Protein backbone atom coordinates (compact mmCIF):
# COMPACT_ATOMS: atom_id res chain seq x y z
CA MET A 1 -77.24 7.54 33.96
CA ARG A 2 -74.16 7.30 36.19
CA MET A 3 -72.45 5.16 33.45
CA ALA A 4 -73.14 7.66 30.73
CA GLU A 5 -72.05 10.43 33.03
CA ALA A 6 -68.68 8.66 33.74
CA LEU A 7 -68.10 8.14 29.97
CA LEU A 8 -68.75 11.74 29.12
CA PHE A 9 -66.70 13.06 32.04
CA ALA A 10 -63.73 10.87 30.98
CA ALA A 11 -63.90 11.59 27.26
CA ALA A 12 -61.28 13.76 25.77
CA GLU A 13 -63.71 14.61 22.84
CA PRO A 14 -67.43 15.13 22.47
CA LEU A 15 -69.27 11.71 22.27
CA ASP A 16 -72.30 10.99 19.85
CA ILE A 17 -75.18 8.80 20.75
CA ASP A 18 -73.81 5.78 18.89
CA SER A 19 -70.56 5.95 20.75
CA LEU A 20 -72.34 5.92 24.11
CA ALA A 21 -74.69 3.20 23.07
CA ALA A 22 -71.76 1.03 22.29
CA ARG A 23 -70.59 1.19 25.92
CA LEU A 24 -73.85 1.17 27.69
CA PRO A 25 -75.82 -1.96 28.43
CA ALA A 26 -77.89 -3.29 25.54
CA GLY A 27 -81.44 -1.86 25.21
CA THR A 28 -80.49 1.34 26.97
CA ASP A 29 -82.56 4.34 25.83
CA VAL A 30 -79.55 6.50 25.24
CA GLY A 31 -81.58 9.54 24.16
CA ALA A 32 -83.56 9.53 27.43
CA VAL A 33 -80.46 9.23 29.45
CA ILE A 34 -78.80 12.09 27.75
CA GLU A 35 -81.98 14.13 28.34
CA ASP A 36 -81.99 13.32 32.05
CA LEU A 37 -78.25 14.19 32.34
CA HIS A 38 -78.91 17.42 30.35
CA LYS A 39 -81.66 18.53 32.75
CA PHE A 40 -79.61 17.40 35.89
CA TYR A 41 -76.63 19.42 34.92
CA GLU A 42 -78.75 22.42 33.54
CA LYS A 43 -78.35 24.73 36.71
CA ARG A 44 -74.82 23.18 37.94
CA GLY A 45 -71.41 24.58 37.53
CA VAL A 46 -70.87 22.37 34.50
CA ASN A 47 -73.53 21.90 31.74
CA LEU A 48 -73.98 19.01 29.29
CA VAL A 49 -74.11 20.66 25.87
CA ARG A 50 -74.61 19.39 22.28
CA ILE A 51 -71.98 20.53 19.71
CA ALA A 52 -72.09 19.13 16.17
CA ASN A 53 -74.59 16.46 17.20
CA LYS A 54 -72.27 15.23 19.88
CA TRP A 55 -72.33 15.62 23.74
CA ILE A 56 -69.63 17.28 26.07
CA PHE A 57 -69.35 18.71 29.60
CA ARG A 58 -68.55 22.31 29.53
CA THR A 59 -68.35 24.99 32.30
CA ALA A 60 -71.54 27.08 32.71
CA ASP A 61 -71.36 30.22 30.71
CA ASP A 62 -72.09 32.50 33.65
CA LEU A 63 -69.00 30.94 35.48
CA SER A 64 -66.61 31.36 32.63
CA PHE A 65 -65.00 34.40 34.35
CA LEU A 66 -63.58 31.97 36.93
CA MET A 67 -61.38 30.43 34.18
CA GLU A 68 -60.01 33.66 32.88
CA ARG A 69 -56.62 33.66 34.69
CA GLU A 70 -55.89 30.20 33.32
CA ALA A 71 -57.01 30.83 29.86
CA VAL A 72 -54.16 30.45 27.29
CA GLU A 73 -53.87 33.41 24.92
CA GLN A 74 -53.86 32.33 21.35
CA LYS A 75 -52.37 33.95 18.41
CA LYS A 76 -54.92 36.01 16.58
CA LEU A 77 -55.71 35.27 12.97
CA SER A 78 -54.91 37.89 10.32
CA ARG A 79 -57.80 39.85 8.81
CA ALA A 80 -57.26 38.08 5.51
CA ALA A 81 -57.36 34.64 7.41
CA MET A 82 -60.68 35.66 9.18
CA GLU A 83 -62.21 36.83 5.81
CA THR A 84 -61.16 33.60 4.20
CA LEU A 85 -62.53 31.62 7.05
CA ALA A 86 -65.89 33.28 6.86
CA ILE A 87 -66.08 32.80 3.06
CA ILE A 88 -65.30 29.16 3.56
CA ALA A 89 -67.82 28.79 6.26
CA TYR A 90 -70.66 30.45 4.44
CA HIS A 91 -70.01 29.30 0.83
CA GLN A 92 -68.68 25.66 1.42
CA PRO A 93 -67.82 23.70 -0.47
CA VAL A 94 -65.78 26.48 -2.07
CA THR A 95 -62.65 26.46 -4.33
CA ARG A 96 -59.60 28.71 -4.01
CA ALA A 97 -60.60 30.68 -7.12
CA GLU A 98 -64.11 31.19 -5.77
CA ILE A 99 -62.58 32.48 -2.45
CA GLU A 100 -60.56 35.04 -4.49
CA GLU A 101 -63.58 36.16 -6.56
CA ILE A 102 -65.66 36.73 -3.45
CA ARG A 103 -62.73 38.67 -1.61
CA GLY A 104 -61.82 40.57 -4.72
CA VAL A 105 -58.05 39.82 -4.07
CA SER A 106 -55.82 36.79 -4.38
CA VAL A 107 -55.48 34.28 -1.42
CA SER A 108 -51.85 34.98 -0.10
CA LYS A 109 -49.59 32.15 0.42
CA GLY A 110 -50.18 30.32 3.78
CA THR A 111 -53.56 31.78 4.50
CA ILE A 112 -55.57 28.64 3.83
CA ASP A 113 -52.59 26.62 5.31
CA VAL A 114 -52.80 28.41 8.57
CA LEU A 115 -56.68 27.72 8.68
CA MET A 116 -55.93 24.01 7.96
CA GLU A 117 -53.31 23.83 10.58
CA THR A 118 -55.65 25.15 13.30
CA GLY A 119 -57.93 22.35 12.16
CA TRP A 120 -60.88 24.55 11.23
CA VAL A 121 -60.72 23.93 7.47
CA ARG A 122 -60.40 20.83 5.50
CA LEU A 123 -60.50 19.49 1.85
CA ARG A 124 -64.06 18.50 0.96
CA GLY A 125 -63.80 17.16 -2.45
CA ARG A 126 -63.27 18.00 -6.10
CA ARG A 127 -65.39 20.23 -8.28
CA ARG A 128 -66.56 18.62 -11.57
CA THR A 129 -65.19 21.42 -13.77
CA PRO A 130 -62.02 21.64 -15.90
CA GLY A 131 -59.07 21.05 -13.85
CA ARG A 132 -61.12 19.29 -11.14
CA PRO A 133 -60.09 21.89 -8.34
CA VAL A 134 -60.32 20.90 -4.81
CA THR A 135 -63.02 22.41 -2.50
CA TYR A 136 -62.74 23.57 1.12
CA GLY A 137 -65.03 23.38 4.03
CA THR A 138 -65.06 23.86 7.89
CA THR A 139 -64.49 20.95 10.31
CA GLU A 140 -66.05 19.70 13.57
CA ALA A 141 -63.18 21.51 15.54
CA PHE A 142 -64.56 24.84 13.93
CA LEU A 143 -68.06 24.04 15.35
CA LEU A 144 -66.54 23.15 18.71
CA HIS A 145 -64.46 26.28 18.94
CA PHE A 146 -67.35 28.63 18.02
CA GLY A 147 -69.96 26.79 20.08
CA LEU A 148 -72.20 25.86 17.10
CA GLU A 149 -74.35 22.77 16.92
CA ASN A 150 -74.02 22.68 13.15
CA ILE A 151 -73.06 24.99 10.43
CA GLY A 152 -76.54 26.29 9.92
CA ASP A 153 -76.34 27.93 13.23
CA LEU A 154 -73.97 30.67 11.83
CA PRO A 155 -75.53 34.10 12.06
CA GLY A 156 -77.59 35.39 9.22
CA LEU A 157 -78.05 38.82 7.73
CA ASP A 158 -80.43 39.99 10.54
CA ASP A 159 -78.19 38.62 13.23
CA LEU A 160 -75.13 40.49 11.82
CA LYS A 161 -76.99 43.67 11.51
CA ALA A 162 -78.29 43.49 15.04
CA ALA A 163 -74.74 42.76 16.35
CA GLY A 164 -73.49 45.95 14.51
CA LEU A 165 -71.21 43.81 12.38
CA LEU A 166 -72.69 45.21 8.93
CA ASP A 167 -72.99 48.56 7.85
CA GLY A 168 -76.65 49.79 7.81
CA ARG A 169 -76.12 51.15 4.23
CA LEU A 170 -75.63 47.87 2.42
CA PRO A 171 -75.65 47.81 -1.37
CA PRO A 172 -78.91 46.74 -3.06
CA GLY A 173 -79.23 42.94 -3.27
CA PHE A 174 -76.70 42.31 -0.66
CA GLU A 175 -77.25 38.83 0.87
CA VAL A 176 -75.51 36.54 3.47
CA PRO A 177 -75.57 32.92 2.08
CA THR A 178 -77.30 30.31 4.29
CA PRO A 179 -74.72 27.53 4.93
CA SER A 180 -75.81 23.95 4.79
CA GLU A 181 -74.30 20.63 6.05
CA SER A 182 -75.49 19.10 2.83
CA GLY A 183 -72.81 21.02 0.80
CA GLY A 184 -73.05 20.68 -2.93
CA GLU A 185 -71.05 20.03 -5.96
CA GLY A 186 -67.55 19.22 -4.92
CA ASP A 187 -68.48 17.93 -1.53
CA GLY A 188 -67.02 14.51 -0.67
CA GLU A 189 -66.34 13.65 -4.25
CA PHE A 190 -62.98 12.10 -3.64
CA ASP A 191 -62.75 8.76 -5.30
CA ASP A 192 -63.56 6.12 -2.70
CA GLU A 193 -61.92 3.43 -4.86
CA ALA A 194 -58.49 5.31 -4.85
CA PRO A 195 -57.14 5.71 -1.34
CA GLU A 196 -54.55 8.01 -2.63
CA GLU A 197 -57.19 10.54 -3.84
CA TYR A 198 -57.22 12.80 -0.74
CA GLY A 199 -53.42 12.85 -0.82
CA ALA A 200 -53.51 13.92 -4.49
CA ALA A 201 -55.89 16.61 -3.54
CA LEU A 202 -53.67 17.83 -0.83
CA ASP A 203 -50.72 17.90 -3.17
CA ASP A 204 -52.80 19.95 -5.47
CA HIS A 205 -53.47 22.42 -2.62
CA LEU A 206 -49.82 22.59 -1.73
CA ALA A 207 -48.92 22.98 -5.44
CA HIS A 208 -51.07 26.00 -5.71
CA MET A 209 -49.50 27.56 -2.61
CA GLY A 210 -46.05 26.87 -4.08
CA GLU A 211 -46.89 28.66 -7.38
CA ASP A 212 -48.00 31.83 -5.36
CA GLU A 213 -44.55 31.82 -3.73
CA ALA A 214 -42.71 31.35 -7.04
CA THR A 215 -44.71 34.16 -8.50
CA SER A 216 -44.08 36.51 -5.61
CA GLU A 217 -40.29 35.86 -5.79
């Protein structure tokens, strides 16, 4: 238990069970060790929490006010970027054209770039349709930032209504999609036998952004 505690404390990023097992003595019941540590820290100043199926120490929620003075103020995302991020999170894997169809407006140059630079959005694969467009999805960094164990923990329709984030007079048939880790067509479909495939997909993404800039000029 002390060994696992030391590993988790020193780690710069969350650790999964396999990473811990590789460093602990052979035969260790890592799951039981994690459970014991989780209970031990449950009422302490730091808690052991699970994020994206990995474990990390975090300041207890009720003590977060102590860190306020040292919090770094981050630049806020634009409304367009937030809407795009929400669409990607709930509809992933999703193409740029599908994002534009859902929003009802074109995706301006740099919106997806900003989300990719933050580390919250990544390329997920190619859709098996004419043109083989690339698809986008969220990352582990997205889960970590928003405190989600997995993408399925995103709030549903009832949660959003209860939080006052949706108008009570919604149009008939309005639904909030249920995101899934399993994804769908266009998820992880880069050619494993061609190492340059991901790079080519990234070039496609940048080319589309370049086309937007040329059009606006």
